[in-house]
C-alpha atoms as a PDB file:
ATOM      1  CA  MET A   1    -107.488 107.659  28.285  1.00  0.00           C
ATOM      2  CA  THR A   2    -105.696 104.804  29.990  1.00  0.00           C
ATOM      3  CA  LEU A   3    -102.239 104.438  29.879  1.00  0.00           C
ATOM      4  CA  ARG A   4    -100.606 101.138  29.263  1.00  0.00           C
ATOM      5  CA  ILE A   5     -96.855 100.069  30.143  1.00  0.00           C
ATOM      6  CA  PRO A   6     -95.776  97.166  28.429  1.00  0.00           C
ATOM      7  CA  TRP A   7     -94.165  93.796  30.670  1.00  0.00           C
ATOM      8  CA  ILE A   8     -90.486  94.152  29.423  1.00  0.00           C
ATOM      9  CA  ALA A   9     -90.667  98.566  30.453  1.00  0.00           C
ATOM     10  CA  ARG A  10     -92.239  97.283  34.049  1.00  0.00           C
ATOM     11  CA  LEU A  11     -89.252  94.524  34.156  1.00  0.00           C
ATOM     12  CA  LEU A  12     -86.702  97.319  33.435  1.00  0.00           C
ATOM     13  CA  ILE A  13     -87.745  99.950  35.930  1.00  0.00           C
ATOM     14  CA  THR A  14     -87.614  97.696  38.414  1.00  0.00           C
ATOM     15  CA  ALA A  15     -84.544  96.032  37.806  1.00  0.00           C
ATOM     16  CA  LEU A  16     -83.413 100.240  38.253  1.00  0.00           C
ATOM     17  CA  ALA A  17     -85.170 100.983  40.957  1.00  0.00           C
ATOM     18  CA  LEU A  18     -83.657  97.710  42.758  1.00  0.00           C
ATOM     19  CA  SER A  19     -80.021  98.597  41.408  1.00  0.00           C
ATOM     20  CA  GLY A  20     -80.178 101.502  42.983  1.00  0.00           C
ATOM     21  CA  SER A  21     -81.142 100.471  46.214  1.00  0.00           C
ATOM     22  CA  ALA A  22     -78.176  97.846  46.370  1.00  0.00           C
ATOM     23  CA  CYS A  23     -75.814 101.167  45.426  1.00  0.00           C
ATOM     24  CA  ALA A  24     -77.765 102.932  48.717  1.00  0.00           C
ATOM     25  CA  ALA A  25     -76.810  99.872  50.708  1.00  0.00           C
ATOM     26  CA  GLU A  26     -73.591  99.487  49.718  1.00  0.00           C
ATOM     27  CA  VAL A  27     -72.395 103.323  51.855  1.00  0.00           C
ATOM     28  CA  PRO A  28     -71.708 102.824  55.432  1.00  0.00           C
ATOM     29  CA  ALA A  29     -73.389 104.005  58.188  1.00  0.00           C
ATOM     30  CA  VAL A  30     -71.379 107.134  60.068  1.00  0.00           C
ATOM     31  CA  THR A  31     -72.633 108.995  63.233  1.00  0.00           C
ATOM     32  CA  ILE A  32     -71.355 111.693  65.423  1.00  0.00           C
ATOM     33  CA  ARG A  33     -71.534 111.980  68.880  1.00  0.00           C
ATOM     34  CA  THR A  34     -70.529 114.696  71.704  1.00  0.00           C
ATOM     35  CA  GLU A  35     -68.571 113.898  74.588  1.00  0.00           C
ATOM     36  CA  ALA A  36     -67.453 117.281  77.077  1.00  0.00           C
ATOM     37  CA  TYR A  37     -64.975 118.396  80.117  1.00  0.00           C
ATOM     38  CA  PRO A  38     -65.139 121.528  82.022  1.00  0.00           C
ATOM     39  CA  ARG A  39     -61.443 123.548  81.541  1.00  0.00           C
ATOM     40  CA  PRO A  40     -60.555 126.338  83.746  1.00  0.00           C
ATOM     41  CA  PRO A  41     -61.617 128.763  84.305  1.00  0.00           C
ATOM     42  CA  TYR A  42     -64.783 129.500  82.334  1.00  0.00           C
ATOM     43  CA  SER A  43     -64.170 127.078  79.420  1.00  0.00           C
ATOM     44  CA  GLU A  44     -65.076 123.690  78.248  1.00  0.00           C
ATOM     45  CA  ALA A  45     -63.728 120.974  76.126  1.00  0.00           C
ATOM     46  CA  THR A  46     -65.951 119.331  73.622  1.00  0.00           C
ATOM     47  CA  TYR A  47     -65.224 116.169  71.340  1.00  0.00           C
ATOM     48  CA  TYR A  48     -67.090 115.284  68.525  1.00  0.00           C
ATOM     49  CA  ILE A  49     -66.590 111.946  67.500  1.00  0.00           C
ATOM     50  CA  TYR A  50     -67.096 110.010  64.066  1.00  0.00           C
ATOM     51  CA  GLU A  51     -68.092 106.661  64.522  1.00  0.00           C
ATOM     52  CA  ARG A  52     -68.350 104.111  61.188  1.00  0.00           C
ATOM     53  CA  ASP A  53     -69.412 100.273  61.599  1.00  0.00           C
ATOM     54  CA  GLY A  54     -69.223 101.346  66.104  1.00  0.00           C
ATOM     55  CA  LYS A  55     -65.084 102.131  65.028  1.00  0.00           C
ATOM     56  CA  ILE A  56     -64.136 105.559  65.719  1.00  0.00           C
ATOM     57  CA  ILE A  57     -62.356 106.997  63.030  1.00  0.00           C
ATOM     58  CA  CYS A  58     -61.605 110.933  63.631  1.00  0.00           C
ATOM     59  CA  THR A  59     -62.519 113.396  66.248  1.00  0.00           C
ATOM     60  CA  LYS A  60     -63.107 116.993  66.297  1.00  0.00           C
ATOM     61  CA  LEU A  61     -61.867 118.781  69.603  1.00  0.00           C
ATOM     62  CA  ALA A  62     -63.019 122.216  70.219  1.00  0.00           C
ATOM     63  CA  VAL A  63     -61.984 124.109  72.868  1.00  0.00           C
ATOM     64  CA  CYS A  64     -63.858 127.111  73.221  1.00  0.00           C
ATOM     65  CA  ASP A  65     -64.099 130.478  76.258  1.00  0.00           C
ATOM     66  CA  LYS A  66     -66.754 131.997  77.873  1.00  0.00           C
ATOM     67  CA  TYR A  67     -67.005 133.875  74.772  1.00  0.00           C
ATOM     68  CA  ASP A  68     -67.334 131.126  72.331  1.00  0.00           C
ATOM     69  CA  GLN A  69     -64.045 132.019  70.948  1.00  0.00           C
ATOM     70  CA  CYS A  70     -62.633 128.165  70.276  1.00  0.00           C
ATOM     71  CA  ASP A  71     -59.575 126.547  69.396  1.00  0.00           C
ATOM     72  CA  ILE A  72     -60.377 123.765  67.175  1.00  0.00           C
ATOM     73  CA  GLU A  73     -58.166 119.861  66.226  1.00  0.00           C
ATOM     74  CA  TYR A  74     -58.721 117.410  64.013  1.00  0.00           C
ATOM     75  CA  HIS A  75     -57.032 113.869  64.967  1.00  0.00           C
ATOM     76  CA  ALA A  76     -57.311 110.634  63.492  1.00  0.00           C
ATOM     77  CA  GLY A  77     -59.219 107.994  65.351  1.00  0.00           C
ATOM     78  CA  THR A  78     -59.347 108.127  69.372  1.00  0.00           C
ATOM     79  CA  PHE A  79     -57.974 111.667  70.754  1.00  0.00           C
ATOM     80  CA  VAL A  80     -58.466 112.518  74.367  1.00  0.00           C
ATOM     81  CA  ASP A  81     -56.201 115.540  75.800  1.00  0.00           C
ATOM     82  CA  SER A  82     -54.199 114.422  78.656  1.00  0.00           C
ATOM     83  CA  GLN A  83     -55.793 117.544  80.900  1.00  0.00           C
ATOM     84  CA  ASP A  84     -59.030 115.873  79.904  1.00  0.00           C
ATOM     85  CA  GLN A  85     -58.004 111.989  80.811  1.00  0.00           C
ATOM     86  CA  LYS A  86     -57.515 113.467  84.237  1.00  0.00           C
ATOM     87  CA  THR A  87     -60.835 115.051  84.570  1.00  0.00           C
ATOM     88  CA  GLY A  88     -62.491 111.426  83.805  1.00  0.00           C
ATOM     89  CA  LYS A  89     -65.565 111.059  82.741  1.00  0.00           C
ATOM     90  CA  PRO A  90     -67.102 113.760  80.431  1.00  0.00           C
ATOM     91  CA  TYR A  91     -69.893 115.675  82.392  1.00  0.00           C
ATOM     92  CA  HIS A  92     -71.884 115.858  79.309  1.00  0.00           C
ATOM     93  CA  VAL A  93     -72.206 113.183  76.525  1.00  0.00           C
ATOM     94  CA  THR A  94     -74.535 112.955  73.674  1.00  0.00           C
ATOM     95  CA  ALA A  95     -76.113 109.934  71.896  1.00  0.00           C
ATOM     96  CA  ALA A  96     -75.110 109.520  68.248  1.00  0.00           C
ATOM     97  CA  VAL A  97     -76.689 110.189  65.554  1.00  0.00           C
ATOM     98  CA  LEU A  98     -76.577 109.724  61.845  1.00  0.00           C
ATOM     99  CA  ILE A  99     -74.923 111.973  59.183  1.00  0.00           C
ATOM    100  CA  PRO A 100     -76.723 111.827  55.913  1.00  0.00           C
ATOM    101  CA  VAL A 101     -74.190 110.840  52.765  1.00  0.00           C
ATOM    102  CA  GLY A 102     -75.298 114.365  51.435  1.00  0.00           C
ATOM    103  CA  LYS A 103     -73.855 116.218  54.272  1.00  0.00           C
ATOM    104  CA  ARG A 104     -70.775 114.639  55.560  1.00  0.00           C
ATOM    105  CA  ALA A 105     -68.657 116.835  53.213  1.00  0.00           C
ATOM    106  CA  LYS A 106     -69.232 120.035  55.665  1.00  0.00           C
ATOM    107  CA  HIS A 107     -67.827 117.522  58.008  1.00  0.00           C
ATOM    108  CA  GLN A 108     -63.890 118.759  57.947  1.00  0.00           C
ATOM    109  CA  CYS A 109     -62.585 115.322  60.383  1.00  0.00           C
ATOM    110  CA  LEU A 110     -64.235 113.334  58.134  1.00  0.00           C
ATOM    111  CA  ALA A 111     -62.655 115.599  54.600  1.00  0.00           C
ATOM    112  CA  LYS A 112     -59.029 114.584  56.309  1.00  0.00           C
ATOM    113  CA  PHE A 113     -58.975 111.522  57.658  1.00  0.00           C
ATOM    114  CA  VAL A 114     -61.575 109.364  56.212  1.00  0.00           C
ATOM    115  CA  PRO A 115     -62.724 110.425  52.548  1.00  0.00           C
ATOM    116  CA  ASP A 116     -63.501 107.366  51.529  1.00  0.00           C
ATOM    117  CA  ALA A 117     -66.964 107.814  54.099  1.00  0.00           C
ATOM    118  CA  LEU A 118     -67.490 111.091  51.790  1.00  0.00           C
END
């Protein structure tokens, strides 16, 4: 027994599929990358930089000691602490990685400063 779908049903299914992909295309891509700076003694400042359309939308700063105890700050837009500006270039940089839409709510920086990215 073969299942026959009328042409109008096929047309509706195709229209729904296309409208769903159009809505998915409207969600802007948000990426995250990191930069690390040394902090004496035995600590490190890691900046988590969130970008959308090539622009920095918020920055998370985590300063961790050798026991992995961290102080965390969130800043809207671009931020580099004056202590790290004196250091110069970061010693470790990661490439930007796309954050899936379903996981964006877990990122406090986005929730605080860019709710439309969620």
